[in-house]
Amino acid sequence: MTDSHTPSRLVRIEADALLALADRLDGPMAADFERAVDRVLQCAQARGRVVVTGMGKSGIIAQKIAATLSSTGSPALFLHPAEAVHGDLGMITEGDLVIALSSSGETEEILRLLATMQRMGNPLISFVCNTQSTLAVASEIALDCSVSAEACGLGLAPTASTTAMLALGDALAIAVSLRRGFREEDFAALHPGGKLGKRLASVRQLMHAGDAVPRVALETPMKDVIYEMSSKKLGMTVVERDGKLAGIISDGDLRRLLERDGPDGLRKTAGDVMHASPKTIGASELAVRALHTMEEKKITSMIVVDAEGAVEGVLHLHDLWGTELI
């Protein structure tokens, strides 16, 4: 293997392509990129979809870009250009935006789609290495993915150019998501499965609710408080006043009560014993935030309340530990 074809040299060729792309995004391509972001946002506002297409290696990159757009809040799909001319062209509907990837800008299968897109009025954004190509000229916005060299020793296999296309697609998807105010909660809603979904689970998904929540009133005798805590097995109980959170009684509170007052402590009511300022959280918050608060404050439960202070549930530390939130 020659020095010019060592693994590190090949990786540096791709890195140089990304640095050159970054320079264009900061300079001559900045306005076109912002126009592309605007176009994707307009498409979403009109309830259209982003249709991403490409052949060969560019097609594989197109699939990834479509997936990234979808996962960050911009509905998108991949269209295989060869299949499109054999019936799949119906996947493109009025109001959709098309992003076409082609290094040469002369990919025959993609050029065959141009007439249909122009007839339907679909806006076209292209990722090309030749901004004078047929595809670039036909596009409303042509984004330059050109590279000084491919990492392939023969200069033939798409390598640095597809890396640049991938990075440009990621940049577009993230720029759009930031402009539309895409939040962690929105991301969580689109990623309910696997470890990522667990890290982004909401409090509502993990909390104990309904009959599983131990509840007592201010005037409840302590012997009944103990029964409620034992039956619900959360090591605590919520104390309510007029349907709103008034306080909390934990196992530790019971232990300290009996150590201090002995059997006389059982003559007291929940209102006499409760801790009146328990930590609370909203049901729509991310569970990982609750976990950080519990560990920081060294508590095992948080009360889930609505905007009016009514109790919606209880979140227990053991439930969080079992969901791979860290």
C-alpha atoms as a PDB file:
ATOM      1  CA  MET A   1       0.000   0.000   0.000  1.00  0.00           C
ATOM      2  CA  THR A   2       1.460   3.347  -1.049  1.00  0.00           C
ATOM      3  CA  ASP A   3       1.626   6.327   1.287  1.00  0.00           C
ATOM      4  CA  SER A   4      -1.119   8.043  -0.717  1.00  0.00           C
ATOM      5  CA  HIS A   5      -3.486   5.150  -0.085  1.00  0.00           C
ATOM      6  CA  THR A   6      -2.981   4.495   3.626  1.00  0.00           C
ATOM      7  CA  PRO A   7      -6.202   4.277   5.668  1.00  0.00           C
ATOM      8  CA  SER A   8      -5.368   7.525   7.487  1.00  0.00           C
ATOM      9  CA  ARG A   9      -4.749   9.350   4.197  1.00  0.00           C
ATOM     10  CA  LEU A  10      -8.072   8.134   2.789  1.00  0.00           C
ATOM     11  CA  VAL A  11      -9.912   9.317   5.881  1.00  0.00           C
ATOM     12  CA  ARG A  12      -8.185  12.712   5.619  1.00  0.00           C
ATOM     13  CA  ILE A  13      -9.401  13.041   2.020  1.00  0.00           C
ATOM     14  CA  GLU A  14     -12.970  12.659   3.275  1.00  0.00           C
ATOM     15  CA  ALA A  15     -12.291  15.025   6.181  1.00  0.00           C
ATOM     16  CA  ASP A  16     -10.944  17.624   3.749  1.00  0.00           C
ATOM     17  CA  ALA A  17     -14.135  17.271   1.705  1.00  0.00           C
ATOM     18  CA  LEU A  18     -16.201  18.033   4.801  1.00  0.00           C
ATOM     19  CA  LEU A  19     -14.068  21.055   5.698  1.00  0.00           C
ATOM     20  CA  ALA A  20     -14.456  22.396   2.146  1.00  0.00           C
ATOM     21  CA  LEU A  21     -18.235  21.885   2.416  1.00  0.00           C
ATOM     22  CA  ALA A  22     -18.276  23.750   5.737  1.00  0.00           C
ATOM     23  CA  ASP A  23     -16.421  26.655   4.127  1.00  0.00           C
ATOM     24  CA  ARG A  24     -18.990  26.829   1.312  1.00  0.00           C
ATOM     25  CA  LEU A  25     -21.846  26.782   3.848  1.00  0.00           C
ATOM     26  CA  ASP A  26     -20.231  29.723   5.626  1.00  0.00           C
ATOM     27  CA  GLY A  27     -19.625  31.516   2.325  1.00  0.00           C
ATOM     28  CA  PRO A  28     -20.979  31.261  -1.222  1.00  0.00           C
ATOM     29  CA  MET A  29     -23.566  28.549  -0.481  1.00  0.00           C
ATOM     30  CA  ALA A  30     -25.005  30.095   2.704  1.00  0.00           C
ATOM     31  CA  ALA A  31     -27.924  31.847   0.998  1.00  0.00           C
ATOM     32  CA  ASP A  32     -28.902  28.786  -1.038  1.00  0.00           C
ATOM     33  CA  PHE A  33     -28.776  26.599   2.059  1.00  0.00           C
ATOM     34  CA  GLU A  34     -31.094  28.986   3.929  1.00  0.00           C
ATOM     35  CA  ARG A  35     -33.468  28.942   0.966  1.00  0.00           C
ATOM     36  CA  ALA A  36     -33.448  25.135   1.135  1.00  0.00           C
ATOM     37  CA  VAL A  37     -34.301  25.274   4.845  1.00  0.00           C
ATOM     38  CA  ASP A  38     -37.165  27.666   4.062  1.00  0.00           C
ATOM     39  CA  ARG A  39     -38.448  25.330   1.364  1.00  0.00           C
ATOM     40  CA  VAL A  40     -38.521  22.319   3.689  1.00  0.00           C
ATOM     41  CA  LEU A  41     -40.327  24.358   6.345  1.00  0.00           C
ATOM     42  CA  GLN A  42     -42.878  25.582   3.796  1.00  0.00           C
ATOM     43  CA  CYS A  43     -43.437  21.996   2.680  1.00  0.00           C
ATOM     44  CA  ALA A  44     -44.115  20.884   6.268  1.00  0.00           C
ATOM     45  CA  GLN A  45     -46.460  23.808   6.904  1.00  0.00           C
ATOM     46  CA  ALA A  46     -48.435  22.797   3.790  1.00  0.00           C
ATOM     47  CA  ARG A  47     -48.542  19.218   5.126  1.00  0.00           C
ATOM     48  CA  GLY A  48     -46.414  18.001   2.244  1.00  0.00           C
ATOM     49  CA  ARG A  49     -43.585  15.494   2.492  1.00  0.00           C
ATOM     50  CA  VAL A  50     -39.932  15.591   1.540  1.00  0.00           C
ATOM     51  CA  VAL A  51     -39.241  12.958  -1.122  1.00  0.00           C
ATOM     52  CA  VAL A  52     -35.517  12.110  -1.264  1.00  0.00           C
ATOM     53  CA  THR A  53     -34.200  10.221  -4.289  1.00  0.00           C
ATOM     54  CA  GLY A  54     -30.884   8.964  -5.624  1.00  0.00           C
ATOM     55  CA  MET A  55     -29.319   6.010  -7.452  1.00  0.00           C
ATOM     56  CA  GLY A  56     -26.596   3.659  -6.287  1.00  0.00           C
ATOM     57  CA  LYS A  57     -24.425   4.966  -3.462  1.00  0.00           C
ATOM     58  CA  SER A  58     -26.228   8.297  -3.611  1.00  0.00           C
ATOM     59  CA  GLY A  59     -29.478   6.374  -3.150  1.00  0.00           C
ATOM     60  CA  ILE A  60     -28.186   4.837   0.071  1.00  0.00           C
ATOM     61  CA  ILE A  61     -27.288   8.315   1.343  1.00  0.00           C
ATOM     62  CA  ALA A  62     -30.736   9.530   0.253  1.00  0.00           C
ATOM     63  CA  GLN A  63     -32.373   6.840   2.386  1.00  0.00           C
ATOM     64  CA  LYS A  64     -30.419   7.983   5.427  1.00  0.00           C
ATOM     65  CA  ILE A  65     -31.290  11.642   4.830  1.00  0.00           C
ATOM     66  CA  ALA A  66     -34.989  10.764   4.538  1.00  0.00           C
ATOM     67  CA  ALA A  67     -34.756   8.853   7.826  1.00  0.00           C
ATOM     68  CA  THR A  68     -33.014  11.765   9.579  1.00  0.00           C
ATOM     69  CA  LEU A  69     -35.597  14.253   8.333  1.00  0.00           C
ATOM     70  CA  SER A  70     -38.442  12.039   9.547  1.00  0.00           C
ATOM     71  CA  SER A  71     -36.891  11.469  12.968  1.00  0.00           C
ATOM     72  CA  THR A  72     -36.424  15.210  13.495  1.00  0.00           C
ATOM     73  CA  GLY A  73     -39.988  16.163  12.653  1.00  0.00           C
ATOM     74  CA  SER A  74     -40.027  16.611   8.857  1.00  0.00           C
ATOM     75  CA  PRO A  75     -42.103  13.837   7.220  1.00  0.00           C
ATOM     76  CA  ALA A  76     -39.929  12.314   4.508  1.00  0.00           C
ATOM     77  CA  LEU A  77     -39.627   9.194   2.364  1.00  0.00           C
ATOM     78  CA  PHE A  78     -37.142   7.656  -0.041  1.00  0.00           C
ATOM     79  CA  LEU A  79     -38.093   7.134  -3.677  1.00  0.00           C
ATOM     80  CA  HIS A  80     -36.001   4.814  -5.835  1.00  0.00           C
ATOM     81  CA  PRO A  81     -35.768   6.621  -9.193  1.00  0.00           C
ATOM     82  CA  ALA A  82     -35.670   3.426 -11.246  1.00  0.00           C
ATOM     83  CA  GLU A  83     -38.783   2.096  -9.517  1.00  0.00           C
ATOM     84  CA  ALA A  84     -40.426   5.504  -9.881  1.00  0.00           C
ATOM     85  CA  VAL A  85     -40.641   5.238 -13.669  1.00  0.00           C
ATOM     86  CA  HIS A  86     -42.212   1.805 -13.293  1.00  0.00           C
ATOM     87  CA  GLY A  87     -45.143   2.858 -11.139  1.00  0.00           C
ATOM     88  CA  ASP A  88     -43.761   4.306  -7.898  1.00  0.00           C
ATOM     89  CA  LEU A  89     -43.943   7.859  -9.234  1.00  0.00           C
ATOM     90  CA  GLY A  90     -47.374   7.989  -7.639  1.00  0.00           C
ATOM     91  CA  MET A  91     -45.567   8.324  -4.299  1.00  0.00           C
ATOM     92  CA  ILE A  92     -44.945  11.972  -5.198  1.00  0.00           C
ATOM     93  CA  THR A  93     -48.069  14.045  -4.660  1.00  0.00           C
ATOM     94  CA  GLU A  94     -48.928  17.704  -5.031  1.00  0.00           C
ATOM     95  CA  GLY A  95     -47.307  19.742  -2.295  1.00  0.00           C
ATOM     96  CA  ASP A  96     -44.325  17.428  -1.856  1.00  0.00           C
ATOM     97  CA  LEU A  97     -40.752  18.690  -2.060  1.00  0.00           C
ATOM     98  CA  VAL A  98     -38.132  16.600  -3.877  1.00  0.00           C
ATOM     99  CA  ILE A  99     -34.460  16.402  -2.915  1.00  0.00           C
ATOM    100  CA  ALA A 100     -32.412  14.615  -5.596  1.00  0.00           C
ATOM    101  CA  LEU A 101     -28.857  13.379  -5.030  1.00  0.00           C
ATOM    102  CA  SER A 102     -26.523  12.837  -7.974  1.00  0.00           C
ATOM    103  CA  SER A 103     -22.787  13.366  -8.020  1.00  0.00           C
ATOM    104  CA  SER A 104     -22.663  13.934 -11.773  1.00  0.00           C
ATOM    105  CA  GLY A 105     -26.040  15.612 -12.010  1.00  0.00           C
ATOM    106  CA  GLU A 106     -26.632  13.509 -15.113  1.00  0.00           C
ATOM    107  CA  THR A 107     -28.068  10.320 -13.592  1.00  0.00           C
ATOM    108  CA  GLU A 108     -30.443   9.060 -16.274  1.00  0.00           C
ATOM    109  CA  GLU A 109     -33.009   7.575 -13.892  1.00  0.00           C
ATOM    110  CA  ILE A 110     -33.347  10.883 -12.039  1.00  0.00           C
ATOM    111  CA  LEU A 111     -33.494  13.021 -15.175  1.00  0.00           C
ATOM    112  CA  ARG A 112     -36.473  10.944 -16.321  1.00  0.00           C
ATOM    113  CA  LEU A 113     -38.416  12.260 -13.323  1.00  0.00           C
ATOM    114  CA  LEU A 114     -37.892  15.943 -14.110  1.00  0.00           C
ATOM    115  CA  ALA A 115     -40.772  16.341 -16.547  1.00  0.00           C
ATOM    116  CA  THR A 116     -43.274  14.852 -14.095  1.00  0.00           C
ATOM    117  CA  MET A 117     -42.043  16.987 -11.212  1.00  0.00           C
ATOM    118  CA  GLN A 118     -42.204  20.125 -13.338  1.00  0.00           C
ATOM    119  CA  ARG A 119     -45.725  19.270 -14.478  1.00  0.00           C
ATOM    120  CA  MET A 120     -46.879  18.726 -10.879  1.00  0.00           C
ATOM    121  CA  GLY A 121     -45.077  21.820  -9.628  1.00  0.00           C
ATOM    122  CA  ASN A 122     -42.964  19.993  -7.044  1.00  0.00           C
ATOM    123  CA  PRO A 123     -40.055  22.177  -5.843  1.00  0.00           C
ATOM    124  CA  LEU A 124     -36.707  20.482  -6.530  1.00  0.00           C
ATOM    125  CA  ILE A 125     -33.531  20.740  -4.463  1.00  0.00           C
ATOM    126  CA  SER A 126     -30.456  18.904  -5.710  1.00  0.00           C
ATOM    127  CA  PHE A 127     -27.228  17.795  -4.059  1.00  0.00           C
ATOM    128  CA  VAL A 128     -24.678  17.711  -6.909  1.00  0.00           C
ATOM    129  CA  CYS A 129     -20.959  17.889  -7.508  1.00  0.00           C
ATOM    130  CA  ASN A 130     -21.456  19.658 -10.851  1.00  0.00           C
ATOM    131  CA  THR A 131     -23.521  22.813 -10.503  1.00  0.00           C
ATOM    132  CA  GLN A 132     -23.652  23.183 -14.316  1.00  0.00           C
ATOM    133  CA  SER A 133     -25.221  19.753 -14.801  1.00  0.00           C
ATOM    134  CA  THR A 134     -28.678  19.062 -16.203  1.00  0.00           C
ATOM    135  CA  LEU A 135     -30.079  18.253 -12.734  1.00  0.00           C
ATOM    136  CA  ALA A 136     -28.573  21.369 -11.143  1.00  0.00           C
ATOM    137  CA  VAL A 137     -29.882  23.663 -13.861  1.00  0.00           C
ATOM    138  CA  ALA A 138     -33.370  22.140 -13.560  1.00  0.00           C
ATOM    139  CA  SER A 139     -33.403  22.589  -9.766  1.00  0.00           C
ATOM    140  CA  GLU A 140     -34.853  25.515  -7.888  1.00  0.00           C
ATOM    141  CA  ILE A 141     -31.892  25.173  -5.496  1.00  0.00           C
ATOM    142  CA  ALA A 142     -28.674  23.308  -6.315  1.00  0.00           C
ATOM    143  CA  LEU A 143     -26.363  22.659  -3.361  1.00  0.00           C
ATOM    144  CA  ASP A 144     -22.708  22.061  -4.190  1.00  0.00           C
ATOM    145  CA  CYS A 145     -21.238  18.805  -2.841  1.00  0.00           C
ATOM    146  CA  SER A 146     -18.134  18.878  -5.038  1.00  0.00           C
ATOM    147  CA  VAL A 147     -14.866  17.422  -3.741  1.00  0.00           C
ATOM    148  CA  SER A 148     -11.300  17.863  -4.873  1.00  0.00           C
ATOM    149  CA  ALA A 149     -10.753  14.100  -4.885  1.00  0.00           C
ATOM    150  CA  GLU A 150     -12.522  10.878  -4.054  1.00  0.00           C
ATOM    151  CA  ALA A 151     -10.921   8.676  -1.419  1.00  0.00           C
ATOM    152  CA  CYS A 152     -11.056   5.793  -3.876  1.00  0.00           C
ATOM    153  CA  GLY A 153      -7.573   5.201  -5.277  1.00  0.00           C
ATOM    154  CA  LEU A 154      -8.956   5.110  -8.810  1.00  0.00           C
ATOM    155  CA  GLY A 155     -11.006   8.251  -8.250  1.00  0.00           C
ATOM    156  CA  LEU A 156     -14.101   6.394  -9.404  1.00  0.00           C
ATOM    157  CA  ALA A 157     -16.057   4.999  -6.438  1.00  0.00           C
ATOM    158  CA  PRO A 158     -18.186   7.666  -4.702  1.00  0.00           C
ATOM    159  CA  THR A 159     -16.567   8.120  -1.294  1.00  0.00           C
ATOM    160  CA  ALA A 160     -15.724  11.694  -0.314  1.00  0.00           C
ATOM    161  CA  SER A 161     -18.648  12.976  -2.395  1.00  0.00           C
ATOM    162  CA  THR A 162     -21.197  10.747  -0.675  1.00  0.00           C
ATOM    163  CA  THR A 163     -19.724  11.708   2.708  1.00  0.00           C
ATOM    164  CA  ALA A 164     -20.286  15.358   1.796  1.00  0.00           C
ATOM    165  CA  MET A 165     -23.870  14.604   0.710  1.00  0.00           C
ATOM    166  CA  LEU A 166     -24.552  12.808   3.984  1.00  0.00           C
ATOM    167  CA  ALA A 167     -23.194  15.689   6.071  1.00  0.00           C
ATOM    168  CA  LEU A 168     -25.154  18.228   4.015  1.00  0.00           C
ATOM    169  CA  GLY A 169     -28.349  16.233   4.508  1.00  0.00           C
ATOM    170  CA  ASP A 170     -27.770  16.072   8.254  1.00  0.00           C
ATOM    171  CA  ALA A 171     -27.111  19.815   8.357  1.00  0.00           C
ATOM    172  CA  LEU A 172     -30.340  20.507   6.458  1.00  0.00           C
ATOM    173  CA  ALA A 173     -32.440  18.246   8.692  1.00  0.00           C
ATOM    174  CA  ILE A 174     -31.070  19.716  11.920  1.00  0.00           C
ATOM    175  CA  ALA A 175     -31.316  23.313  10.693  1.00  0.00           C
ATOM    176  CA  VAL A 176     -34.977  22.723   9.839  1.00  0.00           C
ATOM    177  CA  SER A 177     -35.682  21.100  13.216  1.00  0.00           C
ATOM    178  CA  LEU A 178     -34.097  24.038  15.068  1.00  0.00           C
ATOM    179  CA  ARG A 179     -36.078  26.569  13.044  1.00  0.00           C
ATOM    180  CA  ARG A 180     -39.358  24.807  13.785  1.00  0.00           C
ATOM    181  CA  GLY A 181     -38.603  24.573  17.521  1.00  0.00           C
ATOM    182  CA  PHE A 182     -38.330  20.775  17.611  1.00  0.00           C
ATOM    183  CA  ARG A 183     -37.956  19.743  21.274  1.00  0.00           C
ATOM    184  CA  GLU A 184     -36.669  16.742  23.208  1.00  0.00           C
ATOM    185  CA  GLU A 185     -40.282  15.808  23.889  1.00  0.00           C
ATOM    186  CA  ASP A 186     -41.025  15.809  20.154  1.00  0.00           C
ATOM    187  CA  PHE A 187     -37.993  13.611  19.506  1.00  0.00           C
ATOM    188  CA  ALA A 188     -39.093  11.225  22.243  1.00  0.00           C
ATOM    189  CA  ALA A 189     -42.542  10.862  20.696  1.00  0.00           C
ATOM    190  CA  LEU A 190     -40.924   9.704  17.434  1.00  0.00           C
ATOM    191  CA  HIS A 191     -38.509   7.268  19.152  1.00  0.00           C
ATOM    192  CA  PRO A 192     -40.577   5.129  21.543  1.00  0.00           C
ATOM    193  CA  GLY A 193     -38.526   1.939  21.152  1.00  0.00           C
ATOM    194  CA  GLY A 194     -35.119   0.723  22.281  1.00  0.00           C
ATOM    195  CA  LYS A 195     -32.678   2.301  24.696  1.00  0.00           C
ATOM    196  CA  LEU A 196     -33.056   5.729  23.087  1.00  0.00           C
ATOM    197  CA  GLY A 197     -36.802   5.592  23.600  1.00  0.00           C
ATOM    198  CA  LYS A 198     -36.318   4.677  27.243  1.00  0.00           C
ATOM    199  CA  ARG A 199     -33.944   7.595  27.793  1.00  0.00           C
ATOM    200  CA  LEU A 200     -36.552   9.892  26.279  1.00  0.00           C
ATOM    201  CA  ALA A 201     -39.560   8.376  28.025  1.00  0.00           C
ATOM    202  CA  SER A 202     -41.977  10.829  29.597  1.00  0.00           C
ATOM    203  CA  VAL A 203     -42.995  10.828  33.241  1.00  0.00           C
ATOM    204  CA  ARG A 204     -46.532   9.901  32.140  1.00  0.00           C
ATOM    205  CA  GLN A 205     -45.251   6.681  30.573  1.00  0.00           C
ATOM    206  CA  LEU A 206     -43.559   5.477  33.765  1.00  0.00           C
ATOM    207  CA  MET A 207     -45.591   6.885  36.646  1.00  0.00           C
ATOM    208  CA  HIS A 208     -48.007   4.944  38.851  1.00  0.00           C
ATOM    209  CA  ALA A 209     -51.508   6.280  38.266  1.00  0.00           C
ATOM    210  CA  GLY A 210     -55.134   5.648  39.164  1.00  0.00           C
ATOM    211  CA  ASP A 211     -55.737   3.097  41.927  1.00  0.00           C
ATOM    212  CA  ALA A 212     -51.991   2.392  42.139  1.00  0.00           C
ATOM    213  CA  VAL A 213     -51.420   5.784  43.787  1.00  0.00           C
ATOM    214  CA  PRO A 214     -51.589   5.718  47.618  1.00  0.00           C
ATOM    215  CA  ARG A 215     -53.857   8.565  48.720  1.00  0.00           C
ATOM    216  CA  VAL A 216     -55.127   9.772  52.085  1.00  0.00           C
ATOM    217  CA  ALA A 217     -56.892  12.905  53.323  1.00  0.00           C
ATOM    218  CA  LEU A 218     -55.594  15.373  55.880  1.00  0.00           C
ATOM    219  CA  GLU A 219     -57.860  13.926  58.593  1.00  0.00           C
ATOM    220  CA  THR A 220     -57.012  10.256  57.921  1.00  0.00           C
ATOM    221  CA  PRO A 221     -55.863   8.491  61.147  1.00  0.00           C
ATOM    222  CA  MET A 222     -52.300   7.232  61.051  1.00  0.00           C
ATOM    223  CA  LYS A 223     -53.317   3.580  61.389  1.00  0.00           C
ATOM    224  CA  ASP A 224     -55.248   3.966  58.113  1.00  0.00           C
ATOM    225  CA  VAL A 225     -52.327   5.816  56.583  1.00  0.00           C
ATOM    226  CA  ILE A 226     -50.084   2.834  57.373  1.00  0.00           C
ATOM    227  CA  TYR A 227     -52.600   0.452  55.791  1.00  0.00           C
ATOM    228  CA  GLU A 228     -52.736   2.540  52.595  1.00  0.00           C
ATOM    229  CA  MET A 229     -48.956   2.722  52.357  1.00  0.00           C
ATOM    230  CA  SER A 230     -48.572  -1.020  52.942  1.00  0.00           C
ATOM    231  CA  SER A 231     -51.224  -1.982  50.375  1.00  0.00           C
ATOM    232  CA  LYS A 232     -49.821   0.219  47.583  1.00  0.00           C
ATOM    233  CA  LYS A 233     -46.177  -0.760  48.239  1.00  0.00           C
ATOM    234  CA  LEU A 234     -44.539   2.515  47.148  1.00  0.00           C
ATOM    235  CA  GLY A 235     -43.066   3.384  50.552  1.00  0.00           C
ATOM    236  CA  MET A 236     -45.090   6.590  50.739  1.00  0.00           C
ATOM    237  CA  THR A 237     -48.538   8.107  50.418  1.00  0.00           C
ATOM    238  CA  VAL A 238     -49.910  11.298  48.968  1.00  0.00           C
ATOM    239  CA  VAL A 239     -51.884  13.539  51.327  1.00  0.00           C
ATOM    240  CA  GLU A 240     -54.669  15.517  49.621  1.00  0.00           C
ATOM    241  CA  ARG A 241     -56.848  18.493  50.544  1.00  0.00           C
ATOM    242  CA  ASP A 242     -59.918  19.165  48.387  1.00  0.00           C
ATOM    243  CA  GLY A 243     -58.510  17.054  45.563  1.00  0.00           C
ATOM    244  CA  LYS A 244     -55.167  18.891  45.527  1.00  0.00           C
ATOM    245  CA  LEU A 245     -51.738  17.895  46.782  1.00  0.00           C
ATOM    246  CA  ALA A 246     -51.212  18.888  50.413  1.00  0.00           C
ATOM    247  CA  GLY A 247     -48.172  16.817  51.349  1.00  0.00           C
ATOM    248  CA  ILE A 248     -46.465  13.449  51.476  1.00  0.00           C
ATOM    249  CA  ILE A 249     -45.744  10.853  54.152  1.00  0.00           C
ATOM    250  CA  SER A 250     -42.834   8.472  53.592  1.00  0.00           C
ATOM    251  CA  ASP A 251     -41.652   5.322  55.350  1.00  0.00           C
ATOM    252  CA  GLY A 252     -38.984   7.493  56.935  1.00  0.00           C
ATOM    253  CA  ASP A 253     -41.618   9.847  58.339  1.00  0.00           C
ATOM    254  CA  LEU A 254     -43.414   6.884  59.941  1.00  0.00           C
ATOM    255  CA  ARG A 255     -40.208   5.539  61.449  1.00  0.00           C
ATOM    256  CA  ARG A 256     -39.291   8.921  62.930  1.00  0.00           C
ATOM    257  CA  LEU A 257     -42.842   9.364  64.272  1.00  0.00           C
ATOM    258  CA  LEU A 258     -42.800   6.042  66.137  1.00  0.00           C
ATOM    259  CA  GLU A 259     -39.263   6.613  67.441  1.00  0.00           C
ATOM    260  CA  ARG A 260     -40.288  10.014  68.784  1.00  0.00           C
ATOM    261  CA  ASP A 261     -43.862   9.405  70.015  1.00  0.00           C
ATOM    262  CA  GLY A 262     -44.166   5.638  70.313  1.00  0.00           C
ATOM    263  CA  PRO A 263     -47.753   4.251  70.163  1.00  0.00           C
ATOM    264  CA  ASP A 264     -49.135   7.748  70.812  1.00  0.00           C
ATOM    265  CA  GLY A 265     -48.050   8.662  67.312  1.00  0.00           C
ATOM    266  CA  LEU A 266     -50.810   6.488  65.875  1.00  0.00           C
ATOM    267  CA  ARG A 267     -53.375   8.857  67.387  1.00  0.00           C
ATOM    268  CA  LYS A 268     -52.289  11.615  65.022  1.00  0.00           C
ATOM    269  CA  THR A 269     -53.691  12.328  61.543  1.00  0.00           C
ATOM    270  CA  ALA A 270     -51.988  12.478  58.156  1.00  0.00           C
ATOM    271  CA  GLY A 271     -52.073  16.276  58.307  1.00  0.00           C
ATOM    272  CA  ASP A 272     -50.122  16.217  61.591  1.00  0.00           C
ATOM    273  CA  VAL A 273     -47.317  14.087  60.172  1.00  0.00           C
ATOM    274  CA  MET A 274     -47.020  14.957  56.489  1.00  0.00           C
ATOM    275  CA  HIS A 275     -44.157  16.805  54.841  1.00  0.00           C
ATOM    276  CA  ALA A 276     -45.910  19.795  53.261  1.00  0.00           C
ATOM    277  CA  SER A 277     -43.508  20.677  50.413  1.00  0.00           C
ATOM    278  CA  PRO A 278     -42.816  17.525  48.423  1.00  0.00           C
ATOM    279  CA  LYS A 279     -40.954  17.592  45.119  1.00  0.00           C
ATOM    280  CA  THR A 280     -43.335  17.556  42.161  1.00  0.00           C
ATOM    281  CA  ILE A 281     -43.063  17.192  38.388  1.00  0.00           C
ATOM    282  CA  GLY A 282     -45.363  17.450  35.378  1.00  0.00           C
ATOM    283  CA  ALA A 283     -46.481  14.349  33.482  1.00  0.00           C
ATOM    284  CA  SER A 284     -45.104  15.640  30.167  1.00  0.00           C
ATOM    285  CA  GLU A 285     -41.560  16.110  31.513  1.00  0.00           C
ATOM    286  CA  LEU A 286     -38.826  13.679  30.518  1.00  0.00           C
ATOM    287  CA  ALA A 287     -38.326  10.908  33.067  1.00  0.00           C
ATOM    288  CA  VAL A 288     -34.556  11.399  32.943  1.00  0.00           C
ATOM    289  CA  ARG A 289     -35.037  14.861  34.479  1.00  0.00           C
ATOM    290  CA  ALA A 290     -36.982  13.309  37.332  1.00  0.00           C
ATOM    291  CA  LEU A 291     -34.189  10.778  37.849  1.00  0.00           C
ATOM    292  CA  HIS A 292     -31.574  13.537  38.120  1.00  0.00           C
ATOM    293  CA  THR A 293     -33.707  15.432  40.650  1.00  0.00           C
ATOM    294  CA  MET A 294     -34.307  12.333  42.794  1.00  0.00           C
ATOM    295  CA  GLU A 295     -30.639  11.426  42.866  1.00  0.00           C
ATOM    296  CA  GLU A 296     -29.613  15.022  43.614  1.00  0.00           C
ATOM    297  CA  LYS A 297     -32.192  15.444  46.414  1.00  0.00           C
ATOM    298  CA  LYS A 298     -31.750  11.850  47.666  1.00  0.00           C
ATOM    299  CA  ILE A 299     -35.475  11.065  47.500  1.00  0.00           C
ATOM    300  CA  THR A 300     -37.205   7.959  46.179  1.00  0.00           C
ATOM    301  CA  SER A 301     -40.501   9.404  44.898  1.00  0.00           C
ATOM    302  CA  MET A 302     -41.854  12.442  43.110  1.00  0.00           C
ATOM    303  CA  ILE A 303     -45.504  13.457  42.940  1.00  0.00           C
ATOM    304  CA  VAL A 304     -46.867  14.088  39.451  1.00  0.00           C
ATOM    305  CA  VAL A 305     -49.290  17.023  39.442  1.00  0.00           C
ATOM    306  CA  ASP A 306     -51.207  19.005  36.835  1.00  0.00           C
ATOM    307  CA  ALA A 307     -51.220  22.786  36.457  1.00  0.00           C
ATOM    308  CA  GLU A 308     -53.866  23.116  39.186  1.00  0.00           C
ATOM    309  CA  GLY A 309     -51.987  20.980  41.702  1.00  0.00           C
ATOM    310  CA  ALA A 310     -54.181  17.875  41.385  1.00  0.00           C
ATOM    311  CA  VAL A 311     -52.281  14.605  41.785  1.00  0.00           C
ATOM    312  CA  GLU A 312     -51.964  12.619  38.542  1.00  0.00           C
ATOM    313  CA  GLY A 313     -49.539   9.961  39.716  1.00  0.00           C
ATOM    314  CA  VAL A 314     -46.380   8.981  41.562  1.00  0.00           C
ATOM    315  CA  LEU A 315     -42.962   8.335  40.012  1.00  0.00           C
ATOM    316  CA  HIS A 316     -40.720   5.965  41.966  1.00  0.00           C
ATOM    317  CA  LEU A 317     -36.937   5.794  41.733  1.00  0.00           C
ATOM    318  CA  HIS A 318     -36.921   2.015  41.242  1.00  0.00           C
ATOM    319  CA  ASP A 319     -39.070   2.379  38.121  1.00  0.00           C
ATOM    320  CA  LEU A 320     -36.511   4.766  36.644  1.00  0.00           C
ATOM    321  CA  TRP A 321     -33.505   2.612  37.490  1.00  0.00           C
ATOM    322  CA  GLY A 322     -35.032  -0.219  35.485  1.00  0.00           C
ATOM    323  CA  THR A 323     -35.416   1.758  32.240  1.00  0.00           C
ATOM    324  CA  GLU A 324     -31.802   2.477  31.165  1.00  0.00           C
ATOM    325  CA  LEU A 325     -32.171   6.237  31.560  1.00  0.00           C
ATOM    326  CA  ILE A 326     -28.457   6.689  32.109  1.00  0.00           C
END
